[in-house]
Amino acid sequence: MPHPWSVRVLVVEDEELLADAIARGLRREAIAVDVALDGDEAMSKLDVTDYDVVVLDRDLPGTHGDDVCRQLVASGAGARILMLTAASDVGERVTGLSLGADDYMGKPFSFAELVARIRALARRPPVAHQPVLERGDVTLDPARRLVTRGSVEVPLGRREFAVLEVLLRADGTVVSAEELLERVWDEHADPFSNAVRVTVARLRRKLGDPPLIDTVVGGGYRL
């Protein structure tokens, strides 16, 4: 019996027999399926078709699965990504999710669970694409977790990235140390700690010269 709502899925898997088996099973569940056998073919299909869910193997020939994931997230297309891979240890899962995947399954897997996860992902509302933030020659891409100054990538820690994002969103207005502590740390942070000052100092050093972050005496920080 057809499902009352339609789902369009792209299965990206280089093992042709497995890809075909997944596709046949999903079609029996009234899910529309396309198949790509490598990363390059996946990118071509993603360029012309809007998918609800992409079932993505990480270790792909051509464009690597990680790069497919990054490019899909950066495009803001809205497709949910379910990584399906033999590398199922915790470290690999964390890496996959940090690339922007929405869910992760290791091989071998239960087909019934795969169907359930695909349908759960398809039910989620689309995520609004976060715009790239720019000020001067600094660019911060929230979706890709990427910061550049000029044409040079600036590697930042999690707190440094978050502080820079808050300052960029402030668009030149002053942000107090208290506000940074509240938004970047958590409710358990010590209000008397020097965490904000130390993190801003590290951020200034990594962003390089000329300095970009001003300290406003009695006020806070401004970019």
C-alpha atoms as a PDB file:
ATOM      1  CA  MET A   1       0.000   0.000   0.000  1.00  0.00           C
ATOM      2  CA  PRO A   2       1.580   3.339  -1.004  1.00  0.00           C
ATOM      3  CA  HIS A   3       2.663   5.632   1.766  1.00  0.00           C
ATOM      4  CA  PRO A   4       0.402   8.708   2.061  1.00  0.00           C
ATOM      5  CA  TRP A   5       3.250  11.091   1.407  1.00  0.00           C
ATOM      6  CA  SER A   6       6.078  10.874  -1.126  1.00  0.00           C
ATOM      7  CA  VAL A   7       9.798  10.785  -0.397  1.00  0.00           C
ATOM      8  CA  ARG A   8      12.562  11.189  -2.991  1.00  0.00           C
ATOM      9  CA  VAL A   9      15.848   9.502  -2.045  1.00  0.00           C
ATOM     10  CA  LEU A  10      19.302   9.372  -3.619  1.00  0.00           C
ATOM     11  CA  VAL A  11      21.317   6.279  -2.681  1.00  0.00           C
ATOM     12  CA  VAL A  12      25.061   6.885  -3.141  1.00  0.00           C
ATOM     13  CA  GLU A  13      26.854   3.551  -2.839  1.00  0.00           C
ATOM     14  CA  ASP A  14      29.744   2.162  -4.886  1.00  0.00           C
ATOM     15  CA  GLU A  15      28.870  -1.499  -4.233  1.00  0.00           C
ATOM     16  CA  GLU A  16      26.438  -1.925  -7.101  1.00  0.00           C
ATOM     17  CA  LEU A  17      24.692  -5.030  -5.731  1.00  0.00           C
ATOM     18  CA  LEU A  18      24.083  -3.345  -2.371  1.00  0.00           C
ATOM     19  CA  ALA A  19      22.916  -0.118  -4.032  1.00  0.00           C
ATOM     20  CA  ASP A  20      20.442  -2.035  -6.185  1.00  0.00           C
ATOM     21  CA  ALA A  21      19.185  -4.045  -3.205  1.00  0.00           C
ATOM     22  CA  ILE A  22      18.585  -0.876  -1.165  1.00  0.00           C
ATOM     23  CA  ALA A  23      16.838   0.791  -4.113  1.00  0.00           C
ATOM     24  CA  ARG A  24      14.560  -2.188  -4.734  1.00  0.00           C
ATOM     25  CA  GLY A  25      13.632  -2.397  -1.065  1.00  0.00           C
ATOM     26  CA  LEU A  26      12.857   1.308  -0.812  1.00  0.00           C
ATOM     27  CA  ARG A  27      10.712   1.202  -3.945  1.00  0.00           C
ATOM     28  CA  ARG A  28       8.677  -1.585  -2.356  1.00  0.00           C
ATOM     29  CA  GLU A  29       8.035   0.922   0.445  1.00  0.00           C
ATOM     30  CA  ALA A  30       6.666   3.424  -2.127  1.00  0.00           C
ATOM     31  CA  ILE A  31       9.792   5.594  -1.858  1.00  0.00           C
ATOM     32  CA  ALA A  32      11.145   7.099  -5.087  1.00  0.00           C
ATOM     33  CA  VAL A  33      14.848   6.227  -5.459  1.00  0.00           C
ATOM     34  CA  ASP A  34      17.745   7.230  -7.695  1.00  0.00           C
ATOM     35  CA  VAL A  35      21.158   5.564  -7.452  1.00  0.00           C
ATOM     36  CA  ALA A  36      24.673   6.974  -7.887  1.00  0.00           C
ATOM     37  CA  LEU A  37      27.664   4.632  -7.844  1.00  0.00           C
ATOM     38  CA  ASP A  38      30.355   7.252  -7.135  1.00  0.00           C
ATOM     39  CA  GLY A  39      30.749  10.755  -5.766  1.00  0.00           C
ATOM     40  CA  ASP A  40      30.943  12.474  -9.143  1.00  0.00           C
ATOM     41  CA  GLU A  41      27.687  10.903 -10.312  1.00  0.00           C
ATOM     42  CA  ALA A  42      26.093  11.891  -6.999  1.00  0.00           C
ATOM     43  CA  MET A  43      27.081  15.545  -7.456  1.00  0.00           C
ATOM     44  CA  SER A  44      25.672  15.525 -10.998  1.00  0.00           C
ATOM     45  CA  LYS A  45      22.319  14.165  -9.796  1.00  0.00           C
ATOM     46  CA  LEU A  46      22.217  16.588  -6.860  1.00  0.00           C
ATOM     47  CA  ASP A  47      22.722  19.488  -9.272  1.00  0.00           C
ATOM     48  CA  VAL A  48      19.514  18.700 -11.168  1.00  0.00           C
ATOM     49  CA  THR A  49      17.184  17.023  -8.636  1.00  0.00           C
ATOM     50  CA  ASP A  50      15.874  18.052  -5.229  1.00  0.00           C
ATOM     51  CA  TYR A  51      16.044  15.081  -2.874  1.00  0.00           C
ATOM     52  CA  ASP A  52      14.466  14.726   0.549  1.00  0.00           C
ATOM     53  CA  VAL A  53      17.125  12.324   1.833  1.00  0.00           C
ATOM     54  CA  VAL A  54      20.567  11.279   0.590  1.00  0.00           C
ATOM     55  CA  VAL A  55      21.810   7.872   1.782  1.00  0.00           C
ATOM     56  CA  LEU A  56      25.547   8.407   1.474  1.00  0.00           C
ATOM     57  CA  ASP A  57      28.464   6.001   1.714  1.00  0.00           C
ATOM     58  CA  ARG A  58      31.601   7.762   2.953  1.00  0.00           C
ATOM     59  CA  ASP A  59      34.295   5.816   1.118  1.00  0.00           C
ATOM     60  CA  LEU A  60      33.410   6.588  -2.496  1.00  0.00           C
ATOM     61  CA  PRO A  61      35.475   6.597  -5.696  1.00  0.00           C
ATOM     62  CA  GLY A  62      35.705   9.936  -7.479  1.00  0.00           C
ATOM     63  CA  THR A  63      34.529  12.691  -5.161  1.00  0.00           C
ATOM     64  CA  HIS A  64      34.875  11.312  -1.625  1.00  0.00           C
ATOM     65  CA  GLY A  65      31.688  10.911   0.396  1.00  0.00           C
ATOM     66  CA  ASP A  66      32.932  13.463   2.936  1.00  0.00           C
ATOM     67  CA  ASP A  67      33.299  16.048   0.166  1.00  0.00           C
ATOM     68  CA  VAL A  68      29.853  15.218  -1.216  1.00  0.00           C
ATOM     69  CA  CYS A  69      28.476  15.824   2.290  1.00  0.00           C
ATOM     70  CA  ARG A  70      30.332  19.129   2.684  1.00  0.00           C
ATOM     71  CA  GLN A  71      29.219  20.428  -0.707  1.00  0.00           C
ATOM     72  CA  LEU A  72      25.625  19.373  -0.167  1.00  0.00           C
ATOM     73  CA  VAL A  73      25.480  21.103   3.240  1.00  0.00           C
ATOM     74  CA  ALA A  74      27.140  24.240   1.839  1.00  0.00           C
ATOM     75  CA  SER A  75      24.677  24.381  -1.066  1.00  0.00           C
ATOM     76  CA  GLY A  76      21.747  24.865   1.315  1.00  0.00           C
ATOM     77  CA  ALA A  77      19.721  22.387  -0.741  1.00  0.00           C
ATOM     78  CA  GLY A  78      17.880  21.106   2.318  1.00  0.00           C
ATOM     79  CA  ALA A  79      18.323  17.387   1.665  1.00  0.00           C
ATOM     80  CA  ARG A  80      18.841  15.343   4.834  1.00  0.00           C
ATOM     81  CA  ILE A  81      21.974  13.186   4.851  1.00  0.00           C
ATOM     82  CA  LEU A  82      22.093   9.657   6.234  1.00  0.00           C
ATOM     83  CA  MET A  83      25.621   8.262   6.195  1.00  0.00           C
ATOM     84  CA  LEU A  84      25.680   4.529   5.619  1.00  0.00           C
ATOM     85  CA  THR A  85      29.150   3.040   5.975  1.00  0.00           C
ATOM     86  CA  ALA A  86      31.188   0.106   7.201  1.00  0.00           C
ATOM     87  CA  ALA A  87      33.162   2.461   9.467  1.00  0.00           C
ATOM     88  CA  SER A  88      30.791   2.400  12.427  1.00  0.00           C
ATOM     89  CA  ASP A  89      32.986   3.139  15.463  1.00  0.00           C
ATOM     90  CA  VAL A  90      32.164   6.175  17.595  1.00  0.00           C
ATOM     91  CA  GLY A  91      35.003   8.313  16.227  1.00  0.00           C
ATOM     92  CA  GLU A  92      33.849   7.778  12.654  1.00  0.00           C
ATOM     93  CA  ARG A  93      30.264   8.610  13.601  1.00  0.00           C
ATOM     94  CA  VAL A  94      31.353  11.834  15.282  1.00  0.00           C
ATOM     95  CA  THR A  95      33.380  12.800  12.208  1.00  0.00           C
ATOM     96  CA  GLY A  96      30.466  12.073   9.891  1.00  0.00           C
ATOM     97  CA  LEU A  97      28.018  14.089  11.945  1.00  0.00           C
ATOM     98  CA  SER A  98      30.479  16.977  12.279  1.00  0.00           C
ATOM     99  CA  LEU A  99      30.597  17.189   8.467  1.00  0.00           C
ATOM    100  CA  GLY A 100      26.889  17.980   8.490  1.00  0.00           C
ATOM    101  CA  ALA A 101      25.272  14.557   8.225  1.00  0.00           C
ATOM    102  CA  ASP A 102      21.905  14.282   9.991  1.00  0.00           C
ATOM    103  CA  ASP A 103      22.144  10.595  10.878  1.00  0.00           C
ATOM    104  CA  TYR A 104      24.589   7.703  10.697  1.00  0.00           C
ATOM    105  CA  MET A 105      24.197   3.929  10.258  1.00  0.00           C
ATOM    106  CA  GLY A 106      26.913   1.293  10.163  1.00  0.00           C
ATOM    107  CA  LYS A 107      26.975  -1.755   7.920  1.00  0.00           C
ATOM    108  CA  PRO A 108      25.552  -4.351   8.275  1.00  0.00           C
ATOM    109  CA  PHE A 109      22.207  -2.767   9.059  1.00  0.00           C
ATOM    110  CA  SER A 110      18.553  -3.603   9.505  1.00  0.00           C
ATOM    111  CA  PHE A 111      16.608  -2.630   6.385  1.00  0.00           C
ATOM    112  CA  ALA A 112      13.504  -1.889   8.472  1.00  0.00           C
ATOM    113  CA  GLU A 113      15.577   0.531  10.573  1.00  0.00           C
ATOM    114  CA  LEU A 114      16.966   2.174   7.416  1.00  0.00           C
ATOM    115  CA  VAL A 115      13.427   2.790   6.132  1.00  0.00           C
ATOM    116  CA  ALA A 116      12.333   4.151   9.504  1.00  0.00           C
ATOM    117  CA  ARG A 117      15.293   6.530   9.674  1.00  0.00           C
ATOM    118  CA  ILE A 118      14.750   7.758   6.113  1.00  0.00           C
ATOM    119  CA  ARG A 119      11.105   8.504   6.847  1.00  0.00           C
ATOM    120  CA  ALA A 120      12.009  10.223  10.132  1.00  0.00           C
ATOM    121  CA  LEU A 121      14.546  12.434   8.328  1.00  0.00           C
ATOM    122  CA  ALA A 122      12.062  13.249   5.551  1.00  0.00           C
ATOM    123  CA  ARG A 123       9.505  14.416   8.128  1.00  0.00           C
ATOM    124  CA  ARG A 124      11.862  17.013   9.593  1.00  0.00           C
ATOM    125  CA  PRO A 125      11.159  20.574   8.457  1.00  0.00           C
ATOM    126  CA  PRO A 126      13.764  22.044   6.112  1.00  0.00           C
ATOM    127  CA  VAL A 127      16.663  23.862   7.720  1.00  0.00           C
ATOM    128  CA  ALA A 128      17.058  27.494   6.726  1.00  0.00           C
ATOM    129  CA  HIS A 129      20.470  28.011   5.146  1.00  0.00           C
ATOM    130  CA  GLN A 130      22.569  30.256   7.347  1.00  0.00           C
ATOM    131  CA  PRO A 131      24.018  33.159   5.375  1.00  0.00           C
ATOM    132  CA  VAL A 132      27.760  33.717   5.182  1.00  0.00           C
ATOM    133  CA  LEU A 133      28.846  36.529   7.533  1.00  0.00           C
ATOM    134  CA  GLU A 134      31.337  39.136   6.320  1.00  0.00           C
ATOM    135  CA  ARG A 135      33.016  42.205   7.748  1.00  0.00           C
ATOM    136  CA  GLY A 136      36.054  43.751   6.117  1.00  0.00           C
ATOM    137  CA  ASP A 137      38.176  40.912   4.770  1.00  0.00           C
ATOM    138  CA  VAL A 138      36.875  38.358   7.288  1.00  0.00           C
ATOM    139  CA  THR A 139      34.315  35.767   6.173  1.00  0.00           C
ATOM    140  CA  LEU A 140      32.587  33.200   8.388  1.00  0.00           C
ATOM    141  CA  ASP A 141      30.520  30.400   6.864  1.00  0.00           C
ATOM    142  CA  PRO A 142      28.358  28.852   9.638  1.00  0.00           C
ATOM    143  CA  ALA A 143      27.250  25.884   7.514  1.00  0.00           C
ATOM    144  CA  ARG A 144      30.791  24.851   6.605  1.00  0.00           C
ATOM    145  CA  ARG A 145      32.323  25.962   9.925  1.00  0.00           C
ATOM    146  CA  LEU A 146      34.881  27.893   7.881  1.00  0.00           C
ATOM    147  CA  VAL A 147      36.620  31.221   8.579  1.00  0.00           C
ATOM    148  CA  THR A 148      38.841  33.036   6.107  1.00  0.00           C
ATOM    149  CA  ARG A 149      40.708  36.320   6.185  1.00  0.00           C
ATOM    150  CA  GLY A 150      41.386  37.497   2.684  1.00  0.00           C
ATOM    151  CA  SER A 151      41.881  34.228   0.834  1.00  0.00           C
ATOM    152  CA  VAL A 152      43.543  32.425   3.761  1.00  0.00           C
ATOM    153  CA  GLU A 153      41.654  29.929   5.924  1.00  0.00           C
ATOM    154  CA  VAL A 154      41.889  30.646   9.660  1.00  0.00           C
ATOM    155  CA  PRO A 155      41.584  27.483  11.803  1.00  0.00           C
ATOM    156  CA  LEU A 156      39.676  28.292  14.991  1.00  0.00           C
ATOM    157  CA  GLY A 157      38.648  26.345  18.068  1.00  0.00           C
ATOM    158  CA  ARG A 158      34.974  25.934  18.891  1.00  0.00           C
ATOM    159  CA  ARG A 159      34.811  28.826  21.386  1.00  0.00           C
ATOM    160  CA  GLU A 160      36.881  31.135  19.174  1.00  0.00           C
ATOM    161  CA  PHE A 161      34.573  30.415  16.232  1.00  0.00           C
ATOM    162  CA  ALA A 162      31.504  31.094  18.385  1.00  0.00           C
ATOM    163  CA  VAL A 163      32.896  34.377  19.741  1.00  0.00           C
ATOM    164  CA  LEU A 164      33.732  35.564  16.215  1.00  0.00           C
ATOM    165  CA  GLU A 165      30.250  34.615  15.021  1.00  0.00           C
ATOM    166  CA  VAL A 166      28.610  36.631  17.832  1.00  0.00           C
ATOM    167  CA  LEU A 167      30.796  39.659  17.060  1.00  0.00           C
ATOM    168  CA  LEU A 168      30.060  39.442  13.323  1.00  0.00           C
ATOM    169  CA  ARG A 169      26.312  39.166  13.925  1.00  0.00           C
ATOM    170  CA  ALA A 170      26.541  42.275  16.135  1.00  0.00           C
ATOM    171  CA  ASP A 171      27.484  44.176  12.947  1.00  0.00           C
ATOM    172  CA  GLY A 172      29.837  46.682  14.566  1.00  0.00           C
ATOM    173  CA  THR A 173      27.961  47.208  17.829  1.00  0.00           C
ATOM    174  CA  VAL A 174      29.640  46.536  21.160  1.00  0.00           C
ATOM    175  CA  VAL A 175      29.146  43.092  22.730  1.00  0.00           C
ATOM    176  CA  SER A 176      29.789  42.899  26.467  1.00  0.00           C
ATOM    177  CA  ALA A 177      31.952  40.221  28.039  1.00  0.00           C
ATOM    178  CA  GLU A 178      28.879  39.150  30.024  1.00  0.00           C
ATOM    179  CA  GLU A 179      26.873  38.601  26.827  1.00  0.00           C
ATOM    180  CA  LEU A 180      29.699  36.609  25.243  1.00  0.00           C
ATOM    181  CA  LEU A 181      29.973  34.483  28.376  1.00  0.00           C
ATOM    182  CA  GLU A 182      26.226  33.825  28.312  1.00  0.00           C
ATOM    183  CA  ARG A 183      26.007  33.012  24.598  1.00  0.00           C
ATOM    184  CA  VAL A 184      29.240  31.099  24.020  1.00  0.00           C
ATOM    185  CA  TRP A 185      29.680  29.272  27.320  1.00  0.00           C
ATOM    186  CA  ASP A 186      26.714  28.185  29.486  1.00  0.00           C
ATOM    187  CA  GLU A 187      24.811  28.929  32.670  1.00  0.00           C
ATOM    188  CA  HIS A 188      27.466  27.205  34.761  1.00  0.00           C
ATOM    189  CA  ALA A 189      30.270  29.486  33.550  1.00  0.00           C
ATOM    190  CA  ASP A 190      31.974  31.494  36.298  1.00  0.00           C
ATOM    191  CA  PRO A 191      31.076  35.177  35.729  1.00  0.00           C
ATOM    192  CA  PHE A 192      34.392  36.155  37.334  1.00  0.00           C
ATOM    193  CA  SER A 193      36.543  33.968  35.086  1.00  0.00           C
ATOM    194  CA  ASN A 194      38.882  35.361  32.454  1.00  0.00           C
ATOM    195  CA  ALA A 195      37.628  32.883  29.821  1.00  0.00           C
ATOM    196  CA  VAL A 196      36.267  35.604  27.529  1.00  0.00           C
ATOM    197  CA  ARG A 197      39.430  37.722  27.705  1.00  0.00           C
ATOM    198  CA  VAL A 198      41.677  34.718  27.029  1.00  0.00           C
ATOM    199  CA  THR A 199      39.533  33.494  24.123  1.00  0.00           C
ATOM    200  CA  VAL A 200      39.365  36.956  22.518  1.00  0.00           C
ATOM    201  CA  ALA A 201      43.158  37.282  22.851  1.00  0.00           C
ATOM    202  CA  ARG A 202      43.610  33.917  21.121  1.00  0.00           C
ATOM    203  CA  LEU A 203      41.137  34.926  18.406  1.00  0.00           C
ATOM    204  CA  ARG A 204      42.967  38.207  17.799  1.00  0.00           C
ATOM    205  CA  ARG A 205      46.266  36.372  17.436  1.00  0.00           C
ATOM    206  CA  LYS A 206      44.856  33.855  14.948  1.00  0.00           C
ATOM    207  CA  LEU A 207      43.138  36.520  12.832  1.00  0.00           C
ATOM    208  CA  GLY A 208      46.464  38.348  12.515  1.00  0.00           C
ATOM    209  CA  ASP A 209      47.289  41.927  11.559  1.00  0.00           C
ATOM    210  CA  PRO A 210      45.957  44.516  11.260  1.00  0.00           C
ATOM    211  CA  PRO A 211      43.965  43.861  14.463  1.00  0.00           C
ATOM    212  CA  LEU A 212      40.224  43.546  13.945  1.00  0.00           C
ATOM    213  CA  ILE A 213      38.717  43.317  17.438  1.00  0.00           C
ATOM    214  CA  ASP A 214      38.555  46.506  19.503  1.00  0.00           C
ATOM    215  CA  THR A 215      38.288  46.486  23.278  1.00  0.00           C
ATOM    216  CA  VAL A 216      35.807  49.120  24.426  1.00  0.00           C
ATOM    217  CA  VAL A 217      36.704  50.095  27.976  1.00  0.00           C
ATOM    218  CA  GLY A 218      33.772  49.439  30.279  1.00  0.00           C
ATOM    219  CA  GLY A 219      31.739  48.102  27.354  1.00  0.00           C
ATOM    220  CA  GLY A 220      33.141  44.952  25.824  1.00  0.00           C
ATOM    221  CA  TYR A 221      34.329  44.066  22.342  1.00  0.00           C
ATOM    222  CA  ARG A 222      33.569  45.265  18.836  1.00  0.00           C
ATOM    223  CA  LEU A 223      34.594  43.963  15.419  1.00  0.00           C
END
